[in-house]
Amino acid sequence: MTTPERQGEEAPELPAFTMIGCLMGFFMTALVLIGPALLWISTRFAPGDDDGLVVVAMGVVFTIGGVGTVGSHLWQNARARETHRALDRTGVRAKAEVVSSTRIWVGEVSTPADDVDLVVTGPGVTPFSARVLSEDVGRYETGTVVPVDVDPRTLLFRLAD
């Protein structure tokens, strides 16, 4: 099967309720609360104390950084959820054939993954090529056909299995 010129884009990964997610939520909450705590502590210093100014500066930096980090994380999660809801509304079920699968090593600890090239076809979908990075090593062998949900207008897709 030849690879079409059009390139699809994989939908962002949905946030999962996992132990690591809970741990990240705890640390993000702590990050947001450190700033206001430092600002409150700064009120305990005598006026004109240089240490008090340092604590105020740290409180402002932690507050702005914490709110920015948590806000960005929440915005990305909301965007990913909306993308998947849009695929639920406008997507069609199609088939993706694996045209190549290459083992690669990702991350700082060299975790194995497969870099998978797909050709997506289906009713109402003009064939297009797509690429997926899968941590399910060996699952997608060349020639395998897997179901995908596709928005035919934007070529946004997600694996349906």
Protein backbone atom coordinates (compact mmCIF):
# COMPACT_ATOMS: atom_id res chain seq x y z
CA MET A 1 0.00 0.00 0.00
CA THR A 2 1.42 3.40 -0.95
CA THR A 3 1.57 6.16 1.61
CA PRO A 4 -0.74 9.09 0.71
CA GLU A 5 0.59 12.67 0.77
CA ARG A 6 -1.98 13.90 3.29
CA GLN A 7 -0.86 13.62 6.92
CA GLY A 8 -3.25 13.09 9.84
CA GLU A 9 -2.70 14.25 13.41
CA GLU A 10 -3.24 12.05 16.47
CA ALA A 11 -5.61 13.40 19.11
CA PRO A 12 -3.92 14.42 22.36
CA GLU A 13 -3.77 11.81 25.08
CA LEU A 14 -6.61 11.99 27.59
CA PRO A 15 -5.56 12.60 31.18
CA ALA A 16 -5.93 9.45 33.25
CA PHE A 17 -6.79 9.07 36.91
CA THR A 18 -3.64 7.30 38.05
CA MET A 19 -1.39 7.30 41.08
CA ILE A 20 1.11 9.49 39.24
CA GLY A 21 -1.68 11.87 38.26
CA CYS A 22 -2.77 12.14 41.89
CA LEU A 23 0.83 12.71 42.97
CA MET A 24 1.23 15.43 40.33
CA GLY A 25 -2.01 17.03 41.54
CA PHE A 26 -0.68 17.03 45.11
CA PHE A 27 2.59 18.66 44.08
CA MET A 28 0.84 21.21 41.88
CA THR A 29 -1.44 22.13 44.78
CA ALA A 30 1.59 22.48 47.04
CA LEU A 31 3.30 24.65 44.41
CA VAL A 32 0.29 26.98 44.24
CA LEU A 33 0.02 27.22 48.04
CA ILE A 34 3.72 27.91 48.69
CA GLY A 35 3.47 31.42 47.21
CA PRO A 36 0.58 32.66 49.37
CA ALA A 37 2.17 30.97 52.42
CA LEU A 38 5.40 32.88 51.80
CA LEU A 39 3.45 36.12 51.38
CA TRP A 40 1.69 35.48 54.69
CA ILE A 41 5.03 34.72 56.39
CA SER A 42 6.44 37.99 55.04
CA THR A 43 3.85 39.89 57.11
CA ARG A 44 5.57 38.59 60.27
CA PHE A 45 8.83 40.42 59.55
CA ALA A 46 9.51 43.87 60.91
CA PRO A 47 9.03 46.74 58.38
CA GLY A 48 12.26 47.50 56.53
CA ASP A 49 13.78 44.04 57.19
CA ASP A 50 15.67 42.91 54.07
CA ASP A 51 14.75 39.27 54.75
CA GLY A 52 11.09 40.22 54.55
CA LEU A 53 11.60 41.66 51.04
CA VAL A 54 13.26 38.43 49.90
CA VAL A 55 10.36 36.38 51.24
CA VAL A 56 7.87 38.73 49.52
CA ALA A 57 9.75 38.35 46.22
CA MET A 58 9.81 34.57 46.57
CA GLY A 59 6.10 34.55 47.44
CA VAL A 60 5.21 36.58 44.36
CA VAL A 61 7.36 34.39 42.08
CA PHE A 62 5.93 31.13 43.51
CA THR A 63 2.36 32.43 43.32
CA ILE A 64 2.66 33.56 39.69
CA GLY A 65 4.61 30.45 38.65
CA GLY A 66 2.28 28.07 40.49
CA VAL A 67 -0.90 29.61 39.14
CA GLY A 68 0.59 29.68 35.63
CA THR A 69 1.69 26.02 35.79
CA VAL A 70 -1.57 24.72 37.21
CA GLY A 71 -3.63 26.89 34.84
CA SER A 72 -1.68 25.61 31.85
CA HIS A 73 -2.12 22.00 32.97
CA LEU A 74 -5.86 22.41 33.48
CA TRP A 75 -6.22 24.18 30.11
CA GLN A 76 -4.36 21.33 28.30
CA ASN A 77 -6.56 18.72 30.00
CA ALA A 78 -9.74 20.60 29.08
CA ARG A 79 -8.55 20.96 25.49
CA ALA A 80 -7.74 17.23 25.22
CA ARG A 81 -11.17 16.30 26.60
CA GLU A 82 -12.91 18.66 24.17
CA THR A 83 -10.93 17.21 21.27
CA HIS A 84 -12.08 13.69 22.18
CA ARG A 85 -15.69 14.88 22.59
CA ALA A 86 -15.48 16.44 19.12
CA LEU A 87 -14.21 13.13 17.73
CA ASP A 88 -17.14 11.39 19.42
CA ARG A 89 -19.54 13.83 17.70
CA THR A 90 -18.05 14.12 14.22
CA GLY A 91 -15.72 11.14 13.90
CA VAL A 92 -16.29 8.06 11.79
CA ARG A 93 -14.88 4.59 12.32
CA ALA A 94 -12.16 3.76 9.83
CA LYS A 95 -9.33 1.27 9.39
CA ALA A 96 -5.63 1.96 9.67
CA GLU A 97 -3.11 -0.42 8.14
CA VAL A 98 0.36 -0.52 9.66
CA VAL A 99 2.86 0.10 6.82
CA SER A 100 5.96 0.16 9.03
CA SER A 101 6.87 -0.23 12.67
CA THR A 102 10.28 0.71 14.06
CA ARG A 103 11.54 0.08 17.58
CA ILE A 104 12.92 3.22 19.19
CA TRP A 105 14.09 4.19 22.66
CA VAL A 106 12.51 7.22 24.33
CA GLY A 107 12.92 9.13 27.55
CA GLU A 108 15.77 9.52 29.94
CA VAL A 109 15.67 5.88 31.01
CA SER A 110 15.48 4.54 27.45
CA THR A 111 11.99 3.06 27.47
CA PRO A 112 11.26 0.96 24.36
CA ALA A 113 8.47 2.13 22.07
CA ASP A 114 7.32 1.56 18.50
CA ASP A 115 7.22 4.35 15.94
CA VAL A 116 4.29 3.20 13.78
CA ASP A 117 3.39 4.53 10.32
CA LEU A 118 -0.24 4.03 9.30
CA VAL A 119 -2.41 4.50 6.22
CA VAL A 120 -5.98 5.35 7.24
CA THR A 121 -8.91 4.52 4.95
CA GLY A 122 -12.63 4.21 5.46
CA PRO A 123 -16.08 5.31 4.35
CA GLY A 124 -16.14 9.05 3.75
CA VAL A 125 -12.43 9.36 4.54
CA THR A 126 -9.89 10.26 1.88
CA PRO A 127 -6.87 8.00 2.55
CA PHE A 128 -4.10 9.68 4.53
CA SER A 129 -0.94 8.69 6.34
CA ALA A 130 -0.42 8.97 10.05
CA ARG A 131 2.25 8.29 12.65
CA VAL A 132 1.78 6.97 16.18
CA LEU A 133 4.25 6.42 18.99
CA SER A 134 3.14 3.31 20.89
CA GLU A 135 4.42 2.01 24.20
CA ASP A 136 2.78 -1.35 23.42
CA VAL A 137 5.97 -2.77 21.95
CA GLY A 138 5.37 -5.40 19.27
CA ARG A 139 1.62 -4.85 19.13
CA TYR A 140 1.55 -3.12 15.75
CA GLU A 141 3.34 -5.33 13.23
CA THR A 142 3.52 -4.41 9.53
CA GLY A 143 0.29 -5.39 7.78
CA THR A 144 -1.88 -5.27 10.90
CA VAL A 145 -5.21 -3.45 10.50
CA VAL A 146 -6.48 -1.52 13.52
CA PRO A 147 -9.69 0.48 14.05
CA VAL A 148 -9.43 4.25 14.37
CA ASP A 149 -11.87 7.11 14.87
CA VAL A 150 -11.30 9.91 12.35
CA ASP A 151 -12.67 13.38 11.74
CA PRO A 152 -12.73 13.34 7.90
CA ARG A 153 -12.60 17.15 7.74
CA THR A 154 -9.52 17.76 9.92
CA LEU A 155 -7.88 14.30 9.72
CA LEU A 156 -7.68 14.20 13.49
CA PHE A 157 -7.68 10.59 14.66
CA ARG A 158 -7.31 8.29 17.64
CA LEU A 159 -6.76 4.57 17.94
CA ALA A 160 -10.08 2.94 18.77
CA ASP A 161 -8.83 -0.25 20.38
